[in-house]
Amino acid sequence: MLKCYVFRLVMQNVDHHSQIMAVDLVAVWDVPCSDGIHQVEVEHGTISGRRIIKVDGQEIVRRDWMFRLVGSETFEVGRPRVRCTVKIEPCGAFAYQYSLDVDGKAFRSFTEHQSKVMRTWLVTAREGTYRVVLEKGTLDVWVNGRKLETAGEFVEDGTETHFEVGKKPAYIRAVTSGDKRQGLVYSLYVQEQLIPEHKETL
C-alpha cells in the first residue's frame, strides 16, 4: 500500500525561556516507480533551518544552516530517473506544510497517473517475492527493479511478451477488452499459471 505521512510540528518548553524544539522528521512519502517503491523522508529543523532528504534511507540532500526556513529541494529517484521536488511552505505561526511534486505532478496526481500507465504483479516463490511491473506505453518489463530483456510475439487474440521470473518462464498477454475506455487487458502467467494483479493504492 502506498503511503504518505506528514507529521505535525511538535513543540515543547525546555527551560525558563520557553525555547522551542521541533521534531526533525516531518514527512514521508512512498513513491511508485517502474523499478520499485522508493521512500522519501524529509527532516526539517525549524530553528536552524536544517534540511535533510533521504531516499530509501540514504541521505541525498543536506543543508545544515538555512536563514530561510521555507523553500524547496529538488532531487531524483528511481530508474529511469524521476525528478522530485519537496516544498516547505509556511502554515500559520511556527508551523509549516510539506508537499512533494513528482515528475511535474503533485504526489497524489503522480500516483494516480502511475496506476494508469503501469501494471504490477507480485509473484511468490521459494526464494522470495518478485515484483513484476509492465510499463504499458513502452512495454518494458521490470522485475525487482531490473529491466528485463523480453521477446514479443503475436498470438491469435493479442500479443505476448516473454521473459523469465526467477528462471521460470513467464509472459504477459495483452488482449482487447472490447471497451474503448478500458483498452487492452494485461495478464501475467508464470509457468502457465495466472498471477492476480497487485493493486498499489493510497
C-alpha atoms as a PDB file:
ATOM      1  CA  MET A   1       0.000   0.000   0.000  1.00  0.00           C
ATOM      2  CA  LEU A   2       1.360   3.409  -0.946  1.00  0.00           C
ATOM      3  CA  LYS A   3       1.657   5.783   1.951  1.00  0.00           C
ATOM      4  CA  CYS A   4       2.199   9.469   2.591  1.00  0.00           C
ATOM      5  CA  TYR A   5       2.800  10.672   6.133  1.00  0.00           C
ATOM      6  CA  VAL A   6       3.034  14.308   7.170  1.00  0.00           C
ATOM      7  CA  PHE A   7       3.903  14.813  10.798  1.00  0.00           C
ATOM      8  CA  ARG A   8       2.570  17.645  12.944  1.00  0.00           C
ATOM      9  CA  LEU A   9       5.153  20.066  14.294  1.00  0.00           C
ATOM     10  CA  VAL A  10       5.783  19.122  17.940  1.00  0.00           C
ATOM     11  CA  MET A  11       6.804  21.863  20.344  1.00  0.00           C
ATOM     12  CA  GLN A  12       7.787  21.750  23.986  1.00  0.00           C
ATOM     13  CA  ASN A  13       9.247  24.064  26.672  1.00  0.00           C
ATOM     14  CA  VAL A  14      12.783  23.071  27.532  1.00  0.00           C
ATOM     15  CA  ASP A  15      13.794  25.809  30.003  1.00  0.00           C
ATOM     16  CA  HIS A  16      12.568  29.007  31.692  1.00  0.00           C
ATOM     17  CA  HIS A  17      12.947  30.927  28.437  1.00  0.00           C
ATOM     18  CA  SER A  18      10.488  28.584  26.705  1.00  0.00           C
ATOM     19  CA  GLN A  19      12.864  27.704  23.900  1.00  0.00           C
ATOM     20  CA  ILE A  20      11.088  25.858  21.122  1.00  0.00           C
ATOM     21  CA  MET A  21      12.306  22.486  19.889  1.00  0.00           C
ATOM     22  CA  ALA A  22      10.831  20.662  16.901  1.00  0.00           C
ATOM     23  CA  VAL A  23      10.762  17.061  15.806  1.00  0.00           C
ATOM     24  CA  ASP A  24      13.034  16.837  12.750  1.00  0.00           C
ATOM     25  CA  LEU A  25      11.238  14.098  10.786  1.00  0.00           C
ATOM     26  CA  VAL A  26       8.322  15.952   9.205  1.00  0.00           C
ATOM     27  CA  ALA A  27       7.140  13.946   6.184  1.00  0.00           C
ATOM     28  CA  VAL A  28       7.422  10.552   4.494  1.00  0.00           C
ATOM     29  CA  TRP A  29       6.161   9.566   1.026  1.00  0.00           C
ATOM     30  CA  ASP A  30       6.219   6.211  -0.789  1.00  0.00           C
ATOM     31  CA  VAL A  31       6.827   6.954  -4.474  1.00  0.00           C
ATOM     32  CA  PRO A  32       5.893   4.229  -7.008  1.00  0.00           C
ATOM     33  CA  CYS A  33       8.371   3.916  -9.898  1.00  0.00           C
ATOM     34  CA  SER A  34       8.995   1.266 -12.513  1.00  0.00           C
ATOM     35  CA  ASP A  35      11.900  -0.184 -10.537  1.00  0.00           C
ATOM     36  CA  GLY A  36      10.035  -0.269  -7.218  1.00  0.00           C
ATOM     37  CA  ILE A  37       8.572   1.888  -4.477  1.00  0.00           C
ATOM     38  CA  HIS A  38      11.010   4.467  -3.109  1.00  0.00           C
ATOM     39  CA  GLN A  39      10.568   6.025   0.317  1.00  0.00           C
ATOM     40  CA  VAL A  40      11.297   9.756   0.599  1.00  0.00           C
ATOM     41  CA  GLU A  41      11.874  11.172   4.105  1.00  0.00           C
ATOM     42  CA  VAL A  42      12.218  14.846   4.995  1.00  0.00           C
ATOM     43  CA  GLU A  43      13.822  16.267   8.138  1.00  0.00           C
ATOM     44  CA  HIS A  44      13.407  19.969   8.848  1.00  0.00           C
ATOM     45  CA  GLY A  45      14.940  21.886  11.746  1.00  0.00           C
ATOM     46  CA  THR A  46      12.564  24.765  12.400  1.00  0.00           C
ATOM     47  CA  ILE A  47      15.164  26.754  14.337  1.00  0.00           C
ATOM     48  CA  SER A  48      18.348  26.097  12.368  1.00  0.00           C
ATOM     49  CA  GLY A  49      16.603  25.639   9.020  1.00  0.00           C
ATOM     50  CA  ARG A  50      18.445  22.347   8.605  1.00  0.00           C
ATOM     51  CA  ARG A  51      17.057  20.237   5.749  1.00  0.00           C
ATOM     52  CA  ILE A  52      17.819  16.579   5.180  1.00  0.00           C
ATOM     53  CA  ILE A  53      16.227  14.426   2.485  1.00  0.00           C
ATOM     54  CA  LYS A  54      16.668  10.667   2.411  1.00  0.00           C
ATOM     55  CA  VAL A  55      15.670   8.232  -0.325  1.00  0.00           C
ATOM     56  CA  ASP A  56      15.353   4.620   0.818  1.00  0.00           C
ATOM     57  CA  GLY A  57      17.265   5.518   3.972  1.00  0.00           C
ATOM     58  CA  GLN A  58      20.195   7.104   2.108  1.00  0.00           C
ATOM     59  CA  GLU A  59      20.873  10.791   2.663  1.00  0.00           C
ATOM     60  CA  ILE A  60      20.927  12.663  -0.659  1.00  0.00           C
ATOM     61  CA  VAL A  61      20.400  16.300   0.408  1.00  0.00           C
ATOM     62  CA  ARG A  62      21.765  18.070   3.500  1.00  0.00           C
ATOM     63  CA  ARG A  63      21.598  21.780   4.291  1.00  0.00           C
ATOM     64  CA  ASP A  64      22.838  22.314   7.848  1.00  0.00           C
ATOM     65  CA  TRP A  65      22.085  26.036   8.238  1.00  0.00           C
ATOM     66  CA  MET A  66      19.471  27.913   6.255  1.00  0.00           C
ATOM     67  CA  PHE A  67      18.495  31.506   7.032  1.00  0.00           C
ATOM     68  CA  ARG A  68      15.195  30.953   5.207  1.00  0.00           C
ATOM     69  CA  LEU A  69      13.109  28.252   6.857  1.00  0.00           C
ATOM     70  CA  VAL A  70      10.944  27.818   3.754  1.00  0.00           C
ATOM     71  CA  GLY A  71      11.903  26.863   0.200  1.00  0.00           C
ATOM     72  CA  SER A  72      12.285  23.777  -1.973  1.00  0.00           C
ATOM     73  CA  GLU A  73      14.762  20.987  -2.731  1.00  0.00           C
ATOM     74  CA  THR A  74      14.967  19.036  -5.997  1.00  0.00           C
ATOM     75  CA  PHE A  75      16.415  15.552  -6.458  1.00  0.00           C
ATOM     76  CA  GLU A  76      15.814  12.334  -8.422  1.00  0.00           C
ATOM     77  CA  VAL A  77      14.575   8.855  -7.557  1.00  0.00           C
ATOM     78  CA  GLY A  78      14.133   5.526  -9.317  1.00  0.00           C
ATOM     79  CA  ARG A  79      15.099   4.110 -12.694  1.00  0.00           C
ATOM     80  CA  PRO A  80      14.550   5.599 -15.130  1.00  0.00           C
ATOM     81  CA  ARG A  81      15.288   8.731 -13.089  1.00  0.00           C
ATOM     82  CA  VAL A  82      12.252  10.724 -11.937  1.00  0.00           C
ATOM     83  CA  ARG A  83      12.580  14.358 -10.828  1.00  0.00           C
ATOM     84  CA  CYS A  84      11.141  15.190  -7.386  1.00  0.00           C
ATOM     85  CA  THR A  85      10.733  18.489  -5.531  1.00  0.00           C
ATOM     86  CA  VAL A  86       9.987  18.853  -1.820  1.00  0.00           C
ATOM     87  CA  LYS A  87       8.355  22.163  -0.950  1.00  0.00           C
ATOM     88  CA  ILE A  88       8.417  23.710   2.517  1.00  0.00           C
ATOM     89  CA  GLU A  89       5.847  26.472   2.975  1.00  0.00           C
ATOM     90  CA  PRO A  90       4.598  28.499   5.960  1.00  0.00           C
ATOM     91  CA  CYS A  91       1.307  27.454   7.505  1.00  0.00           C
ATOM     92  CA  GLY A  92       0.469  29.865  10.320  1.00  0.00           C
ATOM     93  CA  ALA A  93       2.730  30.882  13.210  1.00  0.00           C
ATOM     94  CA  PHE A  94       5.556  28.417  13.918  1.00  0.00           C
ATOM     95  CA  ALA A  95       4.051  25.848  11.565  1.00  0.00           C
ATOM     96  CA  TYR A  96       4.965  24.594   8.114  1.00  0.00           C
ATOM     97  CA  GLN A  97       3.422  22.423   5.455  1.00  0.00           C
ATOM     98  CA  TYR A  98       5.335  19.957   3.316  1.00  0.00           C
ATOM     99  CA  SER A  99       4.452  18.764  -0.179  1.00  0.00           C
ATOM    100  CA  LEU A 100       6.076  16.599  -2.838  1.00  0.00           C
ATOM    101  CA  ASP A 101       5.925  17.016  -6.616  1.00  0.00           C
ATOM    102  CA  VAL A 102       6.994  14.041  -8.742  1.00  0.00           C
ATOM    103  CA  ASP A 103       7.670  14.319 -12.471  1.00  0.00           C
ATOM    104  CA  GLY A 104       5.985  17.744 -12.513  1.00  0.00           C
ATOM    105  CA  LYS A 105       2.844  16.474 -10.783  1.00  0.00           C
ATOM    106  CA  ALA A 106       1.557  16.697  -7.220  1.00  0.00           C
ATOM    107  CA  PHE A 107       2.239  13.447  -5.330  1.00  0.00           C
ATOM    108  CA  ARG A 108      -1.370  12.228  -5.434  1.00  0.00           C
ATOM    109  CA  SER A 109      -1.745  13.067  -9.132  1.00  0.00           C
ATOM    110  CA  PHE A 110       1.512  11.240  -9.879  1.00  0.00           C
ATOM    111  CA  THR A 111       0.430   8.074  -8.057  1.00  0.00           C
ATOM    112  CA  GLU A 112      -2.923   8.146  -9.864  1.00  0.00           C
ATOM    113  CA  HIS A 113      -1.075   8.518 -13.187  1.00  0.00           C
ATOM    114  CA  GLN A 114       1.255   5.623 -12.342  1.00  0.00           C
ATOM    115  CA  SER A 115      -1.702   3.369 -11.567  1.00  0.00           C
ATOM    116  CA  LYS A 116      -2.963   4.017 -15.112  1.00  0.00           C
ATOM    117  CA  VAL A 117       0.307   3.529 -17.028  1.00  0.00           C
ATOM    118  CA  MET A 118       1.741   0.606 -15.040  1.00  0.00           C
ATOM    119  CA  ARG A 119       0.532  -2.877 -14.207  1.00  0.00           C
ATOM    120  CA  THR A 120       2.026  -4.658 -11.203  1.00  0.00           C
ATOM    121  CA  TRP A 121       2.062  -8.272 -10.038  1.00  0.00           C
ATOM    122  CA  LEU A 122       3.664  -9.974  -7.036  1.00  0.00           C
ATOM    123  CA  VAL A 123       4.989 -13.475  -7.694  1.00  0.00           C
ATOM    124  CA  THR A 124       5.739 -15.615  -4.634  1.00  0.00           C
ATOM    125  CA  ALA A 125       8.468 -18.247  -4.969  1.00  0.00           C
ATOM    126  CA  ARG A 126      10.626 -20.308  -2.618  1.00  0.00           C
ATOM    127  CA  GLU A 127      13.472 -17.821  -2.904  1.00  0.00           C
ATOM    128  CA  GLY A 128      11.276 -14.798  -2.185  1.00  0.00           C
ATOM    129  CA  THR A 129       8.787 -12.433  -3.769  1.00  0.00           C
ATOM    130  CA  TYR A 130       9.225 -10.904  -7.215  1.00  0.00           C
ATOM    131  CA  ARG A 131       7.631  -7.564  -8.104  1.00  0.00           C
ATOM    132  CA  VAL A 132       6.823  -7.559 -11.821  1.00  0.00           C
ATOM    133  CA  VAL A 133       5.961  -4.239 -13.450  1.00  0.00           C
ATOM    134  CA  LEU A 134       4.800  -3.594 -17.008  1.00  0.00           C
ATOM    135  CA  GLU A 135       5.071  -0.089 -18.466  1.00  0.00           C
ATOM    136  CA  LYS A 136       2.118  -0.002 -20.834  1.00  0.00           C
ATOM    137  CA  GLY A 137       3.481   2.799 -23.017  1.00  0.00           C
ATOM    138  CA  THR A 138       6.844   1.181 -23.757  1.00  0.00           C
ATOM    139  CA  LEU A 139       6.034  -2.475 -22.938  1.00  0.00           C
ATOM    140  CA  ASP A 140       9.172  -2.512 -20.760  1.00  0.00           C
ATOM    141  CA  VAL A 141       9.110  -5.188 -18.058  1.00  0.00           C
ATOM    142  CA  TRP A 142      10.807  -4.691 -14.694  1.00  0.00           C
ATOM    143  CA  VAL A 143      11.390  -7.421 -12.092  1.00  0.00           C
ATOM    144  CA  ASN A 144      12.577  -6.355  -8.639  1.00  0.00           C
ATOM    145  CA  GLY A 145      13.966  -3.097 -10.007  1.00  0.00           C
ATOM    146  CA  ARG A 146      15.742  -4.547 -13.045  1.00  0.00           C
ATOM    147  CA  LYS A 147      14.573  -4.024 -16.623  1.00  0.00           C
ATOM    148  CA  LEU A 148      14.498  -7.343 -18.452  1.00  0.00           C
ATOM    149  CA  GLU A 149      15.193  -8.420 -21.993  1.00  0.00           C
ATOM    150  CA  THR A 150      11.889  -9.563 -23.491  1.00  0.00           C
ATOM    151  CA  ALA A 151      10.627 -11.207 -26.652  1.00  0.00           C
ATOM    152  CA  GLY A 152       7.243 -10.291 -28.121  1.00  0.00           C
ATOM    153  CA  GLU A 153       5.031 -12.333 -30.371  1.00  0.00           C
ATOM    154  CA  PHE A 154       1.570 -12.098 -31.869  1.00  0.00           C
ATOM    155  CA  VAL A 155      -0.966 -14.708 -30.814  1.00  0.00           C
ATOM    156  CA  GLU A 156      -4.486 -15.409 -32.004  1.00  0.00           C
ATOM    157  CA  ASP A 157      -6.227 -12.968 -29.654  1.00  0.00           C
ATOM    158  CA  GLY A 158      -3.471 -10.412 -28.978  1.00  0.00           C
ATOM    159  CA  THR A 159       0.210 -10.297 -28.084  1.00  0.00           C
ATOM    160  CA  GLU A 160       2.506 -11.999 -25.579  1.00  0.00           C
ATOM    161  CA  THR A 161       5.680 -10.550 -24.069  1.00  0.00           C
ATOM    162  CA  HIS A 162       8.002 -13.354 -22.890  1.00  0.00           C
ATOM    163  CA  PHE A 163      10.689 -13.202 -20.189  1.00  0.00           C
ATOM    164  CA  GLU A 164      11.778 -15.067 -17.046  1.00  0.00           C
ATOM    165  CA  VAL A 165      10.890 -14.608 -13.383  1.00  0.00           C
ATOM    166  CA  GLY A 166      13.464 -16.321 -11.191  1.00  0.00           C
ATOM    167  CA  LYS A 167      14.497 -18.581 -14.107  1.00  0.00           C
ATOM    168  CA  LYS A 168      10.878 -19.591 -14.620  1.00  0.00           C
ATOM    169  CA  PRO A 169       9.232 -18.927 -18.000  1.00  0.00           C
ATOM    170  CA  ALA A 170       6.699 -16.116 -17.892  1.00  0.00           C
ATOM    171  CA  TYR A 171       4.758 -13.912 -20.253  1.00  0.00           C
ATOM    172  CA  ILE A 172       2.330 -11.017 -20.195  1.00  0.00           C
ATOM    173  CA  ARG A 173      -0.636 -11.453 -22.515  1.00  0.00           C
ATOM    174  CA  ALA A 174      -2.365  -8.338 -23.871  1.00  0.00           C
ATOM    175  CA  VAL A 175      -5.847  -8.762 -25.357  1.00  0.00           C
ATOM    176  CA  THR A 176      -8.519  -6.259 -26.271  1.00  0.00           C
ATOM    177  CA  SER A 177     -11.268  -5.724 -23.736  1.00  0.00           C
ATOM    178  CA  GLY A 178     -13.851  -4.772 -26.345  1.00  0.00           C
ATOM    179  CA  ASP A 179     -14.336  -1.494 -24.444  1.00  0.00           C
ATOM    180  CA  LYS A 180     -12.628   1.610 -25.881  1.00  0.00           C
ATOM    181  CA  ARG A 181     -12.417   3.224 -22.448  1.00  0.00           C
ATOM    182  CA  GLN A 182     -10.793   0.206 -20.853  1.00  0.00           C
ATOM    183  CA  GLY A 183      -8.454  -0.572 -23.748  1.00  0.00           C
ATOM    184  CA  LEU A 184      -6.215  -3.627 -23.505  1.00  0.00           C
ATOM    185  CA  VAL A 185      -6.324  -6.151 -20.675  1.00  0.00           C
ATOM    186  CA  TYR A 186      -2.957  -7.385 -19.396  1.00  0.00           C
ATOM    187  CA  SER A 187      -2.456 -10.745 -17.660  1.00  0.00           C
ATOM    188  CA  LEU A 188       0.714 -12.293 -16.245  1.00  0.00           C
ATOM    189  CA  TYR A 189       1.378 -16.022 -16.497  1.00  0.00           C
ATOM    190  CA  VAL A 190       4.299 -17.744 -14.753  1.00  0.00           C
ATOM    191  CA  GLN A 191       4.758 -21.391 -15.767  1.00  0.00           C
ATOM    192  CA  GLU A 192       1.298 -21.101 -17.372  1.00  0.00           C
ATOM    193  CA  GLN A 193      -0.234 -20.115 -14.012  1.00  0.00           C
ATOM    194  CA  LEU A 194      -2.284 -16.904 -13.964  1.00  0.00           C
ATOM    195  CA  ILE A 195      -0.974 -14.406 -11.390  1.00  0.00           C
ATOM    196  CA  PRO A 196      -3.530 -11.953  -9.916  1.00  0.00           C
ATOM    197  CA  GLU A 197      -2.746  -8.293 -10.444  1.00  0.00           C
ATOM    198  CA  HIS A 198      -1.466  -6.358  -7.427  1.00  0.00           C
ATOM    199  CA  LYS A 199      -3.223  -3.036  -6.812  1.00  0.00           C
ATOM    200  CA  GLU A 200      -0.984  -0.376  -5.278  1.00  0.00           C
ATOM    201  CA  THR A 201      -3.329   2.265  -3.897  1.00  0.00           C
ATOM    202  CA  LEU A 202      -3.098   5.110  -1.431  1.00  0.00           C
END
